């Protein structure tokens, strides 16, 4: 899988591909079904597979990203794709910068300038509700019309459902906000996960007996908030069970969102390592405590619950 940052970095070898387009935020089962269809279409026509996505996401561009926290940053998306079966992993990920120029492009301009002139696509794979272009006036009918004109086929996928409800990034986000991580896992086909580099924190956790690995999110907001049972994964450590707090740390008047992970029965220096945190069960909301003693007592209770969830003997 190769990342192409921007249309200006396309090479001749990238032209003539099978393409799918979307935000792919969360890479839920609906997205995975679309990528599976892309693989089938590409194999049938002996084409390379390309996934076009955007940064910022369109809704972030128009609303500043504060209305709907992103489920994945670009790095998380690439890590997830690389971990899947090869049928879900495209040959190229074309990351388009969503800006004034792209947002003002009409649907016809997008087809002719991007799909035909720049990419010379041979096949397009989209969801049945796909809309695009300025004011979202582009649709399946328009794509089929221009596909016949320019020689690319258009394949569509029906909306993916779970319990008679459409699976969407919005529904995944709502499950995370409400703390229903089981429903989230069912829609994603895996535990929800955030990846990042372990950074130095203020080391207050050590003073109360709960050292933490700190991960800065580098995003304005997250759908997670509170205390969770988690497992971290890395190439060097494997899987390690623990507990995590996601939020602003109001007891110490934190000013940005971070993940603080306390690992059970673990004593290694992992500063600077890239890890992924899988979230299993929400234990409670984040709250402000009147003292560090009160915070320490609550963390002891939280750890007891997390250990129970993991099936570990409580100490």
C-alpha atoms as a PDB file:
ATOM      1  CA  UNK A   1       0.000   0.000   0.000  1.00  0.00           C
ATOM      2  CA  UNK A   2       1.374   3.387  -1.057  1.00  0.00           C
ATOM      3  CA  UNK A   3       0.213   6.789   0.219  1.00  0.00           C
ATOM      4  CA  UNK A   4      -0.128   9.558  -2.361  1.00  0.00           C
ATOM      5  CA  UNK A   5      -0.472  12.968  -0.721  1.00  0.00           C
ATOM      6  CA  UNK A   6      -2.357  15.162  -3.169  1.00  0.00           C
ATOM      7  CA  UNK A   7      -3.335  14.973  -6.815  1.00  0.00           C
ATOM      8  CA  UNK A   8      -0.080  16.729  -7.780  1.00  0.00           C
ATOM      9  CA  UNK A   9       1.904  13.670  -6.660  1.00  0.00           C
ATOM     10  CA  UNK A  10       0.181  11.290  -9.065  1.00  0.00           C
ATOM     11  CA  UNK A  11       2.471   9.452 -11.463  1.00  0.00           C
ATOM     12  CA  UNK A  12       1.771   7.870 -14.805  1.00  0.00           C
ATOM     13  CA  UNK A  13       1.769   4.450 -13.129  1.00  0.00           C
ATOM     14  CA  UNK A  14      -1.175   5.493 -10.938  1.00  0.00           C
ATOM     15  CA  UNK A  15      -3.434   6.134 -13.936  1.00  0.00           C
ATOM     16  CA  UNK A  16      -5.946   3.615 -15.233  1.00  0.00           C
ATOM     17  CA  UNK A  17      -6.949   2.269 -11.818  1.00  0.00           C
ATOM     18  CA  UNK A  18     -10.091   0.988 -10.156  1.00  0.00           C
ATOM     19  CA  UNK A  19     -11.135   3.703  -7.707  1.00  0.00           C
ATOM     20  CA  UNK A  20     -13.346   4.064  -4.667  1.00  0.00           C
ATOM     21  CA  UNK A  21     -14.080   7.387  -2.953  1.00  0.00           C
ATOM     22  CA  UNK A  22     -15.131   8.312   0.575  1.00  0.00           C
ATOM     23  CA  UNK A  23     -14.187   9.594   3.999  1.00  0.00           C
ATOM     24  CA  UNK A  24     -13.685   6.037   5.288  1.00  0.00           C
ATOM     25  CA  UNK A  25     -13.794   7.411   8.835  1.00  0.00           C
ATOM     26  CA  UNK A  26     -13.647   4.398  11.149  1.00  0.00           C
ATOM     27  CA  UNK A  27     -13.311   1.829   8.349  1.00  0.00           C
ATOM     28  CA  UNK A  28     -16.501   0.118   9.538  1.00  0.00           C
ATOM     29  CA  UNK A  29     -18.037  -3.003   7.971  1.00  0.00           C
ATOM     30  CA  UNK A  30     -19.733  -0.942   5.260  1.00  0.00           C
ATOM     31  CA  UNK A  31     -16.371   0.512   4.239  1.00  0.00           C
ATOM     32  CA  UNK A  32     -14.820  -2.945   4.329  1.00  0.00           C
ATOM     33  CA  UNK A  33     -17.548  -4.294   2.030  1.00  0.00           C
ATOM     34  CA  UNK A  34     -16.831  -1.445  -0.401  1.00  0.00           C
ATOM     35  CA  UNK A  35     -13.099  -2.246  -0.365  1.00  0.00           C
ATOM     36  CA  UNK A  36     -13.878  -5.928  -0.930  1.00  0.00           C
ATOM     37  CA  UNK A  37     -15.954  -5.003  -3.991  1.00  0.00           C
ATOM     38  CA  UNK A  38     -13.115  -2.760  -5.198  1.00  0.00           C
ATOM     39  CA  UNK A  39     -10.780  -5.751  -4.968  1.00  0.00           C
ATOM     40  CA  UNK A  40     -13.205  -7.931  -6.968  1.00  0.00           C
ATOM     41  CA  UNK A  41     -13.670  -5.323  -9.692  1.00  0.00           C
ATOM     42  CA  UNK A  42      -9.923  -4.648  -9.902  1.00  0.00           C
ATOM     43  CA  UNK A  43      -9.077  -8.347 -10.119  1.00  0.00           C
ATOM     44  CA  UNK A  44     -11.691  -8.927 -12.815  1.00  0.00           C
ATOM     45  CA  UNK A  45     -10.274  -6.096 -14.926  1.00  0.00           C
ATOM     46  CA  UNK A  46      -6.592  -6.557 -13.964  1.00  0.00           C
ATOM     47  CA  UNK A  47      -6.366  -3.062 -12.461  1.00  0.00           C
ATOM     48  CA  UNK A  48      -4.612  -1.455  -9.521  1.00  0.00           C
ATOM     49  CA  UNK A  49      -6.854  -0.527  -6.567  1.00  0.00           C
ATOM     50  CA  UNK A  50      -6.984   3.099  -5.408  1.00  0.00           C
ATOM     51  CA  UNK A  51      -8.863   4.528  -2.419  1.00  0.00           C
ATOM     52  CA  UNK A  52      -9.456   8.287  -2.479  1.00  0.00           C
ATOM     53  CA  UNK A  53     -10.012   9.980   0.873  1.00  0.00           C
ATOM     54  CA  UNK A  54      -9.770  13.516   2.229  1.00  0.00           C
ATOM     55  CA  UNK A  55      -7.956  15.585   4.837  1.00  0.00           C
ATOM     56  CA  UNK A  56      -9.550  17.517   6.341  1.00  0.00           C
ATOM     57  CA  UNK A  57     -12.785  15.607   5.978  1.00  0.00           C
ATOM     58  CA  UNK A  58     -15.464  17.673   4.195  1.00  0.00           C
ATOM     59  CA  UNK A  59     -17.533  18.227   7.349  1.00  0.00           C
ATOM     60  CA  UNK A  60     -14.400  19.390   9.172  1.00  0.00           C
ATOM     61  CA  UNK A  61     -13.704  21.894   6.405  1.00  0.00           C
ATOM     62  CA  UNK A  62     -17.211  23.347   6.547  1.00  0.00           C
ATOM     63  CA  UNK A  63     -17.773  23.188  10.317  1.00  0.00           C
ATOM     64  CA  UNK A  64     -14.277  23.207  11.790  1.00  0.00           C
ATOM     65  CA  UNK A  65     -14.492  19.545  12.837  1.00  0.00           C
ATOM     66  CA  UNK A  66     -16.031  20.359  16.213  1.00  0.00           C
ATOM     67  CA  UNK A  67     -19.523  19.107  15.369  1.00  0.00           C
ATOM     68  CA  UNK A  68     -18.448  15.507  14.729  1.00  0.00           C
ATOM     69  CA  UNK A  69     -15.174  14.280  16.243  1.00  0.00           C
ATOM     70  CA  UNK A  70     -13.163  12.213  13.792  1.00  0.00           C
ATOM     71  CA  UNK A  71     -12.995   8.476  14.481  1.00  0.00           C
ATOM     72  CA  UNK A  72      -9.574   8.108  12.850  1.00  0.00           C
ATOM     73  CA  UNK A  73      -6.735  10.342  11.835  1.00  0.00           C
ATOM     74  CA  UNK A  74      -4.894   9.492   8.622  1.00  0.00           C
ATOM     75  CA  UNK A  75      -2.215   7.478  10.401  1.00  0.00           C
ATOM     76  CA  UNK A  76      -4.805   5.352  12.247  1.00  0.00           C
ATOM     77  CA  UNK A  77      -6.543   4.699   8.927  1.00  0.00           C
ATOM     78  CA  UNK A  78      -3.355   3.520   7.233  1.00  0.00           C
ATOM     79  CA  UNK A  79      -2.424   1.300  10.201  1.00  0.00           C
ATOM     80  CA  UNK A  80      -5.882  -0.294  10.155  1.00  0.00           C
ATOM     81  CA  UNK A  81      -5.793  -0.885   6.390  1.00  0.00           C
ATOM     82  CA  UNK A  82      -2.361  -2.506   6.626  1.00  0.00           C
ATOM     83  CA  UNK A  83      -3.611  -4.853   9.367  1.00  0.00           C
ATOM     84  CA  UNK A  84      -6.560  -6.166   7.338  1.00  0.00           C
ATOM     85  CA  UNK A  85      -6.724  -9.020   4.874  1.00  0.00           C
ATOM     86  CA  UNK A  86      -5.160  -8.068   1.504  1.00  0.00           C
ATOM     87  CA  UNK A  87      -8.633  -7.909  -0.080  1.00  0.00           C
ATOM     88  CA  UNK A  88      -9.355  -4.792   2.021  1.00  0.00           C
ATOM     89  CA  UNK A  89      -5.990  -3.124   1.459  1.00  0.00           C
ATOM     90  CA  UNK A  90      -5.757  -0.942  -1.681  1.00  0.00           C
ATOM     91  CA  UNK A  91      -2.588  -0.550  -3.712  1.00  0.00           C
ATOM     92  CA  UNK A  92      -2.791   3.244  -3.343  1.00  0.00           C
ATOM     93  CA  UNK A  93      -4.415   5.636  -0.908  1.00  0.00           C
ATOM     94  CA  UNK A  94      -4.857   9.024  -2.580  1.00  0.00           C
ATOM     95  CA  UNK A  95      -5.229  11.630   0.157  1.00  0.00           C
ATOM     96  CA  UNK A  96      -6.865  14.750  -1.281  1.00  0.00           C
ATOM     97  CA  UNK A  97      -6.664  18.088   0.487  1.00  0.00           C
ATOM     98  CA  UNK A  98     -10.244  19.275   0.902  1.00  0.00           C
ATOM     99  CA  UNK A  99     -10.027  23.034   0.375  1.00  0.00           C
ATOM    100  CA  UNK A 100     -11.866  25.912  -1.295  1.00  0.00           C
ATOM    101  CA  UNK A 101     -10.846  24.746  -4.747  1.00  0.00           C
ATOM    102  CA  UNK A 102     -12.108  21.208  -4.268  1.00  0.00           C
ATOM    103  CA  UNK A 103     -15.264  22.234  -2.375  1.00  0.00           C
ATOM    104  CA  UNK A 104     -16.305  24.644  -5.158  1.00  0.00           C
ATOM    105  CA  UNK A 105     -15.708  22.118  -7.965  1.00  0.00           C
ATOM    106  CA  UNK A 106     -18.922  21.032  -9.665  1.00  0.00           C
ATOM    107  CA  UNK A 107     -19.716  17.352 -10.014  1.00  0.00           C
ATOM    108  CA  UNK A 108     -18.988  17.446 -13.752  1.00  0.00           C
ATOM    109  CA  UNK A 109     -15.682  19.254 -13.161  1.00  0.00           C
ATOM    110  CA  UNK A 110     -14.706  16.642 -10.571  1.00  0.00           C
ATOM    111  CA  UNK A 111     -15.408  13.827 -13.016  1.00  0.00           C
ATOM    112  CA  UNK A 112     -13.610  15.412 -15.954  1.00  0.00           C
ATOM    113  CA  UNK A 113     -10.649  17.035 -14.163  1.00  0.00           C
ATOM    114  CA  UNK A 114      -9.948  14.456 -11.449  1.00  0.00           C
ATOM    115  CA  UNK A 115     -11.411  11.100 -12.450  1.00  0.00           C
ATOM    116  CA  UNK A 116     -10.769  11.327 -16.195  1.00  0.00           C
ATOM    117  CA  UNK A 117      -7.910  13.796 -16.788  1.00  0.00           C
ATOM    118  CA  UNK A 118      -5.764  13.073 -13.719  1.00  0.00           C
ATOM    119  CA  UNK A 119      -6.587   9.464 -12.847  1.00  0.00           C
ATOM    120  CA  UNK A 120      -7.937   8.083 -16.136  1.00  0.00           C
ATOM    121  CA  UNK A 121      -9.968   5.604 -14.099  1.00  0.00           C
ATOM    122  CA  UNK A 122     -11.200   2.384 -15.690  1.00  0.00           C
ATOM    123  CA  UNK A 123     -13.649   1.484 -12.916  1.00  0.00           C
ATOM    124  CA  UNK A 124     -15.371   3.293 -10.055  1.00  0.00           C
ATOM    125  CA  UNK A 125     -16.789   1.558  -6.979  1.00  0.00           C
ATOM    126  CA  UNK A 126     -19.174   3.588  -4.779  1.00  0.00           C
ATOM    127  CA  UNK A 127     -21.970   3.207  -2.253  1.00  0.00           C
ATOM    128  CA  UNK A 128     -25.525   3.501  -3.538  1.00  0.00           C
ATOM    129  CA  UNK A 129     -26.007   6.807  -1.687  1.00  0.00           C
ATOM    130  CA  UNK A 130     -22.786   8.459  -2.922  1.00  0.00           C
ATOM    131  CA  UNK A 131     -23.057  12.204  -3.629  1.00  0.00           C
ATOM    132  CA  UNK A 132     -20.270  14.565  -4.618  1.00  0.00           C
ATOM    133  CA  UNK A 133     -19.349  17.914  -6.110  1.00  0.00           C
ATOM    134  CA  UNK A 134     -20.453  21.429  -5.158  1.00  0.00           C
ATOM    135  CA  UNK A 135     -23.737  21.299  -3.215  1.00  0.00           C
ATOM    136  CA  UNK A 136     -23.513  17.472  -3.504  1.00  0.00           C
ATOM    137  CA  UNK A 137     -25.290  17.524  -6.870  1.00  0.00           C
ATOM    138  CA  UNK A 138     -23.323  14.608  -8.299  1.00  0.00           C
ATOM    139  CA  UNK A 139     -24.934  11.164  -8.037  1.00  0.00           C
ATOM    140  CA  UNK A 140     -24.900   7.643  -9.445  1.00  0.00           C
ATOM    141  CA  UNK A 141     -26.874   8.589 -12.559  1.00  0.00           C
ATOM    142  CA  UNK A 142     -24.374  11.320 -13.477  1.00  0.00           C
ATOM    143  CA  UNK A 143     -21.430   8.977 -12.940  1.00  0.00           C
ATOM    144  CA  UNK A 144     -22.989   6.294 -15.135  1.00  0.00           C
ATOM    145  CA  UNK A 145     -23.627   8.870 -17.864  1.00  0.00           C
ATOM    146  CA  UNK A 146     -20.034  10.085 -17.844  1.00  0.00           C
ATOM    147  CA  UNK A 147     -18.707   6.561 -17.405  1.00  0.00           C
ATOM    148  CA  UNK A 148     -20.333   5.583 -20.691  1.00  0.00           C
ATOM    149  CA  UNK A 149     -18.877   8.720 -22.299  1.00  0.00           C
ATOM    150  CA  UNK A 150     -15.304   8.281 -21.010  1.00  0.00           C
ATOM    151  CA  UNK A 151     -15.036   4.505 -20.842  1.00  0.00           C
ATOM    152  CA  UNK A 152     -15.131   3.635 -17.138  1.00  0.00           C
ATOM    153  CA  UNK A 153     -17.548   1.240 -15.481  1.00  0.00           C
ATOM    154  CA  UNK A 154     -19.468   2.150 -12.328  1.00  0.00           C
ATOM    155  CA  UNK A 155     -20.176  -0.505  -9.694  1.00  0.00           C
ATOM    156  CA  UNK A 156     -22.319   0.174  -6.645  1.00  0.00           C
ATOM    157  CA  UNK A 157     -22.780  -1.445  -3.253  1.00  0.00           C
ATOM    158  CA  UNK A 158     -26.004  -1.477  -1.273  1.00  0.00           C
ATOM    159  CA  UNK A 159     -25.972   0.156   2.144  1.00  0.00           C
ATOM    160  CA  UNK A 160     -24.615  -2.126   4.891  1.00  0.00           C
ATOM    161  CA  UNK A 161     -27.060  -2.752   7.767  1.00  0.00           C
ATOM    162  CA  UNK A 162     -26.919  -4.109  11.304  1.00  0.00           C
ATOM    163  CA  UNK A 163     -30.166  -4.757  13.192  1.00  0.00           C
ATOM    164  CA  UNK A 164     -32.051  -3.136  10.297  1.00  0.00           C
ATOM    165  CA  UNK A 165     -30.134   0.107  10.829  1.00  0.00           C
ATOM    166  CA  UNK A 166     -27.612   1.523   8.368  1.00  0.00           C
ATOM    167  CA  UNK A 167     -24.021   1.201   9.551  1.00  0.00           C
ATOM    168  CA  UNK A 168     -22.335   4.583   9.291  1.00  0.00           C
ATOM    169  CA  UNK A 169     -19.505   6.580  10.822  1.00  0.00           C
ATOM    170  CA  UNK A 170     -22.165   8.653  12.583  1.00  0.00           C
ATOM    171  CA  UNK A 171     -23.666   5.578  14.214  1.00  0.00           C
ATOM    172  CA  UNK A 172     -20.219   4.350  15.303  1.00  0.00           C
ATOM    173  CA  UNK A 173     -19.504   7.790  16.773  1.00  0.00           C
ATOM    174  CA  UNK A 174     -22.813   7.771  18.667  1.00  0.00           C
ATOM    175  CA  UNK A 175     -22.013   4.340  20.126  1.00  0.00           C
ATOM    176  CA  UNK A 176     -18.636   5.602  21.364  1.00  0.00           C
ATOM    177  CA  UNK A 177     -20.138   8.743  22.887  1.00  0.00           C
ATOM    178  CA  UNK A 178     -22.781   6.699  24.722  1.00  0.00           C
ATOM    179  CA  UNK A 179     -20.212   4.164  25.923  1.00  0.00           C
ATOM    180  CA  UNK A 180     -21.668   1.245  23.959  1.00  0.00           C
ATOM    181  CA  UNK A 181     -18.352  -0.254  22.880  1.00  0.00           C
ATOM    182  CA  UNK A 182     -19.968  -3.622  22.144  1.00  0.00           C
ATOM    183  CA  UNK A 183     -22.175  -2.060  19.447  1.00  0.00           C
ATOM    184  CA  UNK A 184     -19.156  -0.160  18.182  1.00  0.00           C
ATOM    185  CA  UNK A 185     -17.137  -3.376  17.881  1.00  0.00           C
ATOM    186  CA  UNK A 186     -19.994  -5.061  16.014  1.00  0.00           C
ATOM    187  CA  UNK A 187     -20.057  -2.242  13.452  1.00  0.00           C
ATOM    188  CA  UNK A 188     -16.282  -2.046  13.050  1.00  0.00           C
ATOM    189  CA  UNK A 189     -15.622  -5.771  13.144  1.00  0.00           C
ATOM    190  CA  UNK A 190     -12.919  -5.073  15.758  1.00  0.00           C
ATOM    191  CA  UNK A 191     -12.339  -3.056  18.917  1.00  0.00           C
ATOM    192  CA  UNK A 192     -12.149   0.705  18.460  1.00  0.00           C
ATOM    193  CA  UNK A 193      -8.495   1.693  18.404  1.00  0.00           C
ATOM    194  CA  UNK A 194      -6.331   4.829  18.600  1.00  0.00           C
ATOM    195  CA  UNK A 195      -2.617   4.801  17.818  1.00  0.00           C
ATOM    196  CA  UNK A 196       0.157   7.209  18.756  1.00  0.00           C
ATOM    197  CA  UNK A 197       3.599   7.741  20.165  1.00  0.00           C
ATOM    198  CA  UNK A 198       4.188   7.460  23.924  1.00  0.00           C
ATOM    199  CA  UNK A 199       5.278  10.910  25.149  1.00  0.00           C
ATOM    200  CA  UNK A 200       6.606  12.261  28.415  1.00  0.00           C
ATOM    201  CA  UNK A 201       3.845  13.572  30.650  1.00  0.00           C
ATOM    202  CA  UNK A 202       3.867  15.418  33.957  1.00  0.00           C
ATOM    203  CA  UNK A 203       4.520  12.104  35.808  1.00  0.00           C
ATOM    204  CA  UNK A 204       1.886  12.838  38.464  1.00  0.00           C
ATOM    205  CA  UNK A 205       0.622   9.265  38.141  1.00  0.00           C
ATOM    206  CA  UNK A 206       3.880   7.938  39.550  1.00  0.00           C
ATOM    207  CA  UNK A 207       3.434   9.984  42.716  1.00  0.00           C
ATOM    208  CA  UNK A 208       0.198   8.131  43.544  1.00  0.00           C
ATOM    209  CA  UNK A 209       1.380   4.692  42.457  1.00  0.00           C
ATOM    210  CA  UNK A 210      -0.162   4.583  38.961  1.00  0.00           C
ATOM    211  CA  UNK A 211       2.441   5.430  36.314  1.00  0.00           C
ATOM    212  CA  UNK A 212       0.945   6.063  32.892  1.00  0.00           C
ATOM    213  CA  UNK A 213       1.964   5.991  29.248  1.00  0.00           C
ATOM    214  CA  UNK A 214       0.787   9.269  27.735  1.00  0.00           C
ATOM    215  CA  UNK A 215      -0.400   9.635  24.148  1.00  0.00           C
ATOM    216  CA  UNK A 216      -1.185  13.043  22.679  1.00  0.00           C
ATOM    217  CA  UNK A 217      -4.031  12.798  20.194  1.00  0.00           C
ATOM    218  CA  UNK A 218      -3.071  15.701  17.898  1.00  0.00           C
ATOM    219  CA  UNK A 219      -6.725  16.314  17.092  1.00  0.00           C
ATOM    220  CA  UNK A 220      -9.191  18.870  18.496  1.00  0.00           C
ATOM    221  CA  UNK A 221     -11.641  16.333  19.910  1.00  0.00           C
ATOM    222  CA  UNK A 222     -12.470  12.654  20.233  1.00  0.00           C
ATOM    223  CA  UNK A 223     -15.743  10.703  20.613  1.00  0.00           C
ATOM    224  CA  UNK A 224     -14.230   8.972  23.661  1.00  0.00           C
ATOM    225  CA  UNK A 225     -14.357  10.476  27.137  1.00  0.00           C
ATOM    226  CA  UNK A 226     -13.828   8.708  30.429  1.00  0.00           C
ATOM    227  CA  UNK A 227     -12.102   5.644  31.874  1.00  0.00           C
ATOM    228  CA  UNK A 228     -11.849   2.387  29.906  1.00  0.00           C
ATOM    229  CA  UNK A 229     -10.433  -1.112  30.100  1.00  0.00           C
ATOM    230  CA  UNK A 230      -7.892  -1.321  27.266  1.00  0.00           C
ATOM    231  CA  UNK A 231      -5.192  -3.389  25.633  1.00  0.00           C
ATOM    232  CA  UNK A 232      -2.140  -1.823  24.046  1.00  0.00           C
ATOM    233  CA  UNK A 233      -0.386  -3.368  21.073  1.00  0.00           C
ATOM    234  CA  UNK A 234       3.061  -2.794  19.616  1.00  0.00           C
ATOM    235  CA  UNK A 235       5.552  -4.698  17.540  1.00  0.00           C
ATOM    236  CA  UNK A 236       7.979  -4.993  20.450  1.00  0.00           C
ATOM    237  CA  UNK A 237       5.593  -5.498  23.387  1.00  0.00           C
ATOM    238  CA  UNK A 238       2.855  -7.605  21.863  1.00  0.00           C
ATOM    239  CA  UNK A 239      -0.413  -7.122  23.784  1.00  0.00           C
ATOM    240  CA  UNK A 240      -0.488  -5.660  27.309  1.00  0.00           C
ATOM    241  CA  UNK A 241      -3.669  -5.184  29.343  1.00  0.00           C
ATOM    242  CA  UNK A 242      -4.475  -2.055  31.260  1.00  0.00           C
ATOM    243  CA  UNK A 243      -6.774   0.866  31.958  1.00  0.00           C
ATOM    244  CA  UNK A 244      -6.941   4.268  30.273  1.00  0.00           C
ATOM    245  CA  UNK A 245      -8.313   7.724  30.916  1.00  0.00           C
ATOM    246  CA  UNK A 246      -9.286   9.793  27.876  1.00  0.00           C
ATOM    247  CA  UNK A 247      -9.938  13.479  28.396  1.00  0.00           C
ATOM    248  CA  UNK A 248      -8.673  16.779  29.738  1.00  0.00           C
ATOM    249  CA  UNK A 249      -7.688  15.588  33.259  1.00  0.00           C
ATOM    250  CA  UNK A 250      -9.808  18.188  35.107  1.00  0.00           C
ATOM    251  CA  UNK A 251      -8.263  17.370  38.517  1.00  0.00           C
ATOM    252  CA  UNK A 252      -4.956  18.823  37.297  1.00  0.00           C
ATOM    253  CA  UNK A 253      -6.635  21.406  35.027  1.00  0.00           C
ATOM    254  CA  UNK A 254      -5.366  19.909  31.771  1.00  0.00           C
ATOM    255  CA  UNK A 255      -5.839  22.009  28.643  1.00  0.00           C
ATOM    256  CA  UNK A 256      -5.835  19.402  25.864  1.00  0.00           C
ATOM    257  CA  UNK A 257      -7.172  15.916  25.251  1.00  0.00           C
ATOM    258  CA  UNK A 258      -4.801  13.023  25.861  1.00  0.00           C
ATOM    259  CA  UNK A 259      -4.862   9.309  26.579  1.00  0.00           C
ATOM    260  CA  UNK A 260      -3.202   8.143  29.799  1.00  0.00           C
ATOM    261  CA  UNK A 261      -2.733   4.371  29.985  1.00  0.00           C
ATOM    262  CA  UNK A 262      -1.798   2.471  33.146  1.00  0.00           C
ATOM    263  CA  UNK A 263      -0.550  -1.020  32.274  1.00  0.00           C
ATOM    264  CA  UNK A 264      -1.094  -3.956  34.618  1.00  0.00           C
ATOM    265  CA  UNK A 265       1.858  -5.962  35.917  1.00  0.00           C
ATOM    266  CA  UNK A 266       4.206  -4.039  33.650  1.00  0.00           C
ATOM    267  CA  UNK A 267       7.419  -2.123  34.333  1.00  0.00           C
ATOM    268  CA  UNK A 268       9.261  -1.183  31.138  1.00  0.00           C
ATOM    269  CA  UNK A 269      10.352   2.112  29.627  1.00  0.00           C
ATOM    270  CA  UNK A 270       8.278   2.626  26.477  1.00  0.00           C
ATOM    271  CA  UNK A 271       8.812   6.353  25.881  1.00  0.00           C
ATOM    272  CA  UNK A 272       8.968   7.125  22.177  1.00  0.00           C
ATOM    273  CA  UNK A 273       7.351   3.854  21.106  1.00  0.00           C
ATOM    274  CA  UNK A 274       4.402   3.781  18.735  1.00  0.00           C
ATOM    275  CA  UNK A 275       1.528   1.862  20.267  1.00  0.00           C
ATOM    276  CA  UNK A 276      -2.127   1.234  19.478  1.00  0.00           C
ATOM    277  CA  UNK A 277      -4.750   1.294  22.228  1.00  0.00           C
ATOM    278  CA  UNK A 278      -7.827  -0.932  21.856  1.00  0.00           C
ATOM    279  CA  UNK A 279     -10.844   0.125  23.937  1.00  0.00           C
ATOM    280  CA  UNK A 280     -13.059  -2.595  25.429  1.00  0.00           C
ATOM    281  CA  UNK A 281     -15.436  -1.287  28.083  1.00  0.00           C
ATOM    282  CA  UNK A 282     -16.196   2.133  29.573  1.00  0.00           C
ATOM    283  CA  UNK A 283     -15.898   2.111  33.352  1.00  0.00           C
ATOM    284  CA  UNK A 284     -17.008   5.656  34.151  1.00  0.00           C
ATOM    285  CA  UNK A 285     -17.044   9.277  32.989  1.00  0.00           C
ATOM    286  CA  UNK A 286     -14.070  11.545  33.554  1.00  0.00           C
ATOM    287  CA  UNK A 287     -14.577  13.793  36.593  1.00  0.00           C
ATOM    288  CA  UNK A 288     -12.751  16.316  38.738  1.00  0.00           C
ATOM    289  CA  UNK A 289     -11.636  15.193  42.202  1.00  0.00           C
ATOM    290  CA  UNK A 290     -11.114  17.431  45.206  1.00  0.00           C
ATOM    291  CA  UNK A 291      -7.739  15.916  46.094  1.00  0.00           C
ATOM    292  CA  UNK A 292      -5.091  13.502  44.854  1.00  0.00           C
ATOM    293  CA  UNK A 293      -6.062  11.107  47.638  1.00  0.00           C
ATOM    294  CA  UNK A 294      -9.628  11.014  46.317  1.00  0.00           C
ATOM    295  CA  UNK A 295      -8.301  10.482  42.789  1.00  0.00           C
ATOM    296  CA  UNK A 296      -6.013   7.668  43.990  1.00  0.00           C
ATOM    297  CA  UNK A 297      -8.895   5.910  45.755  1.00  0.00           C
ATOM    298  CA  UNK A 298     -11.051   6.113  42.626  1.00  0.00           C
ATOM    299  CA  UNK A 299      -8.246   4.804  40.391  1.00  0.00           C
ATOM    300  CA  UNK A 300      -7.872   1.805  42.702  1.00  0.00           C
ATOM    301  CA  UNK A 301     -11.582   1.047  42.232  1.00  0.00           C
ATOM    302  CA  UNK A 302     -11.304   1.583  38.477  1.00  0.00           C
ATOM    303  CA  UNK A 303      -8.321  -0.761  38.227  1.00  0.00           C
ATOM    304  CA  UNK A 304     -10.225  -3.417  40.157  1.00  0.00           C
ATOM    305  CA  UNK A 305     -13.066  -3.248  37.608  1.00  0.00           C
ATOM    306  CA  UNK A 306     -10.691  -3.246  34.648  1.00  0.00           C
ATOM    307  CA  UNK A 307      -8.795  -6.243  36.008  1.00  0.00           C
ATOM    308  CA  UNK A 308     -12.084  -8.086  36.422  1.00  0.00           C
ATOM    309  CA  UNK A 309     -13.000  -7.291  32.814  1.00  0.00           C
ATOM    310  CA  UNK A 310      -9.626  -8.608  31.642  1.00  0.00           C
ATOM    311  CA  UNK A 311      -9.970 -11.717  33.805  1.00  0.00           C
ATOM    312  CA  UNK A 312      -6.926 -10.828  35.888  1.00  0.00           C
ATOM    313  CA  UNK A 313      -6.479 -11.565  39.566  1.00  0.00           C
ATOM    314  CA  UNK A 314      -6.968  -8.354  41.524  1.00  0.00           C
ATOM    315  CA  UNK A 315      -4.065  -7.305  43.711  1.00  0.00           C
END
